[in-house]
Amino acid sequence: MTISPAQCRAARGLLDMDQAVLAEASRVSRNTIIAFEREQRTPGGNNLLAIRAALEAAGVVFLDENGNGPGVALRKGV
């Protein structure tokens, strides 16, 4: 499943994570994250997967459209 710019912003908000920290954790440039969240461009597949993986490693669960989503939540115990 891919993530949307809104889910990326919401996930960072839940984690109180700024774009620079996400860039470092995902090893994706901050400019790529900024452009993605502003809906100016979609990162390549590997970068998008890296962003998602970094957010999940920090405790975010991405909800798909079949559940209550699309959306984000924090994993229990985080």
C-alpha atoms as a PDB file:
ATOM      1  CA  MET A   1       0.000   0.000   0.000  1.00  0.00           C
ATOM      2  CA  THR A   2       1.221   3.456  -0.802  1.00  0.00           C
ATOM      3  CA  ILE A   3       0.799   6.408   1.526  1.00  0.00           C
ATOM      4  CA  SER A   4      -0.683   9.796   0.750  1.00  0.00           C
ATOM      5  CA  PRO A   5       0.839  13.187   1.511  1.00  0.00           C
ATOM      6  CA  ALA A   6      -1.878  13.726   4.121  1.00  0.00           C
ATOM      7  CA  GLN A   7      -1.022  10.426   5.831  1.00  0.00           C
ATOM      8  CA  CYS A   8       2.648  11.404   5.881  1.00  0.00           C
ATOM      9  CA  ARG A   9       1.855  14.763   7.508  1.00  0.00           C
ATOM     10  CA  ALA A  10      -0.534  13.139   9.998  1.00  0.00           C
ATOM     11  CA  ALA A  11       1.972  10.428  10.909  1.00  0.00           C
ATOM     12  CA  ARG A  12       4.664  13.012  11.601  1.00  0.00           C
ATOM     13  CA  GLY A  13       2.174  14.971  13.691  1.00  0.00           C
ATOM     14  CA  LEU A  14       1.312  11.936  15.815  1.00  0.00           C
ATOM     15  CA  LEU A  15       5.004  11.320  16.376  1.00  0.00           C
ATOM     16  CA  ASP A  16       5.879  15.004  16.875  1.00  0.00           C
ATOM     17  CA  MET A  17       8.506  14.430  14.169  1.00  0.00           C
ATOM     18  CA  ASP A  18       9.704  17.219  11.917  1.00  0.00           C
ATOM     19  CA  GLN A  19      10.623  16.811   8.263  1.00  0.00           C
ATOM     20  CA  ALA A  20      14.350  16.869   8.979  1.00  0.00           C
ATOM     21  CA  VAL A  21      14.087  13.945  11.398  1.00  0.00           C
ATOM     22  CA  LEU A  22      11.994  11.969   8.922  1.00  0.00           C
ATOM     23  CA  ALA A  23      14.504  12.725   6.178  1.00  0.00           C
ATOM     24  CA  GLU A  24      17.330  11.394   8.326  1.00  0.00           C
ATOM     25  CA  ALA A  25      15.399   8.316   9.469  1.00  0.00           C
ATOM     26  CA  SER A  26      14.312   7.420   5.939  1.00  0.00           C
ATOM     27  CA  ARG A  27      17.544   8.482   4.236  1.00  0.00           C
ATOM     28  CA  VAL A  28      15.452  10.550   1.812  1.00  0.00           C
ATOM     29  CA  SER A  29      16.191  14.212   1.173  1.00  0.00           C
ATOM     30  CA  ARG A  30      14.189  16.766   3.124  1.00  0.00           C
ATOM     31  CA  ASN A  31      13.304  18.478  -0.166  1.00  0.00           C
ATOM     32  CA  THR A  32      11.707  15.242  -1.385  1.00  0.00           C
ATOM     33  CA  ILE A  33       9.597  15.027   1.774  1.00  0.00           C
ATOM     34  CA  ILE A  34       8.603  18.688   1.530  1.00  0.00           C
ATOM     35  CA  ALA A  35       7.549  18.337  -2.113  1.00  0.00           C
ATOM     36  CA  PHE A  36       5.616  15.146  -1.345  1.00  0.00           C
ATOM     37  CA  GLU A  37       3.742  16.650   1.603  1.00  0.00           C
ATOM     38  CA  ARG A  38       2.917  19.751  -0.470  1.00  0.00           C
ATOM     39  CA  GLU A  39       1.576  17.425  -3.183  1.00  0.00           C
ATOM     40  CA  GLN A  40       4.047  18.854  -5.687  1.00  0.00           C
ATOM     41  CA  ARG A  41       5.453  15.446  -6.656  1.00  0.00           C
ATOM     42  CA  THR A  42       5.365  11.813  -5.647  1.00  0.00           C
ATOM     43  CA  PRO A  43       8.675  10.268  -4.604  1.00  0.00           C
ATOM     44  CA  GLY A  44       9.993   7.259  -6.474  1.00  0.00           C
ATOM     45  CA  GLY A  45       8.918   3.857  -5.222  1.00  0.00           C
ATOM     46  CA  ASN A  46      12.033   3.178  -3.148  1.00  0.00           C
ATOM     47  CA  ASN A  47      11.898   6.595  -1.488  1.00  0.00           C
ATOM     48  CA  LEU A  48       8.200   6.239  -0.717  1.00  0.00           C
ATOM     49  CA  LEU A  49       8.814   2.826   0.824  1.00  0.00           C
ATOM     50  CA  ALA A  50      11.687   4.253   2.890  1.00  0.00           C
ATOM     51  CA  ILE A  51       9.479   7.086   4.188  1.00  0.00           C
ATOM     52  CA  ARG A  52       6.738   4.647   5.123  1.00  0.00           C
ATOM     53  CA  ALA A  53       9.197   2.233   6.769  1.00  0.00           C
ATOM     54  CA  ALA A  54      10.743   5.009   8.871  1.00  0.00           C
ATOM     55  CA  LEU A  55       7.323   6.148  10.093  1.00  0.00           C
ATOM     56  CA  GLU A  56       6.265   2.567  10.865  1.00  0.00           C
ATOM     57  CA  ALA A  57       9.518   1.933  12.738  1.00  0.00           C
ATOM     58  CA  ALA A  58       8.738   4.985  14.857  1.00  0.00           C
ATOM     59  CA  GLY A  59       5.340   3.548  15.804  1.00  0.00           C
ATOM     60  CA  VAL A  60       2.824   4.545  13.127  1.00  0.00           C
ATOM     61  CA  VAL A  61       0.280   2.147  11.664  1.00  0.00           C
ATOM     62  CA  PHE A  62      -1.153   3.055   8.275  1.00  0.00           C
ATOM     63  CA  LEU A  63      -4.842   2.308   7.841  1.00  0.00           C
ATOM     64  CA  ASP A  64      -6.135   1.317   4.432  1.00  0.00           C
ATOM     65  CA  GLU A  65      -9.408   2.258   2.797  1.00  0.00           C
ATOM     66  CA  ASN A  66     -10.982  -1.098   3.737  1.00  0.00           C
ATOM     67  CA  GLY A  67     -10.793  -0.287   7.435  1.00  0.00           C
ATOM     68  CA  ASN A  68     -11.359   3.161   8.829  1.00  0.00           C
ATOM     69  CA  GLY A  69      -8.998   4.860   6.440  1.00  0.00           C
ATOM     70  CA  PRO A  70      -7.082   5.866   4.737  1.00  0.00           C
ATOM     71  CA  GLY A  71      -5.554   7.171   7.891  1.00  0.00           C
ATOM     72  CA  VAL A  72      -2.877   6.703  10.518  1.00  0.00           C
ATOM     73  CA  ALA A  73      -2.733   5.596  14.119  1.00  0.00           C
ATOM     74  CA  LEU A  74      -0.102   4.960  16.733  1.00  0.00           C
ATOM     75  CA  ARG A  75       0.760   1.370  17.514  1.00  0.00           C
ATOM     76  CA  LYS A  76      -0.297   0.363  21.018  1.00  0.00           C
ATOM     77  CA  GLY A  77       2.413   0.880  23.580  1.00  0.00           C
ATOM     78  CA  VAL A  78       4.129   3.708  21.701  1.00  0.00           C
END
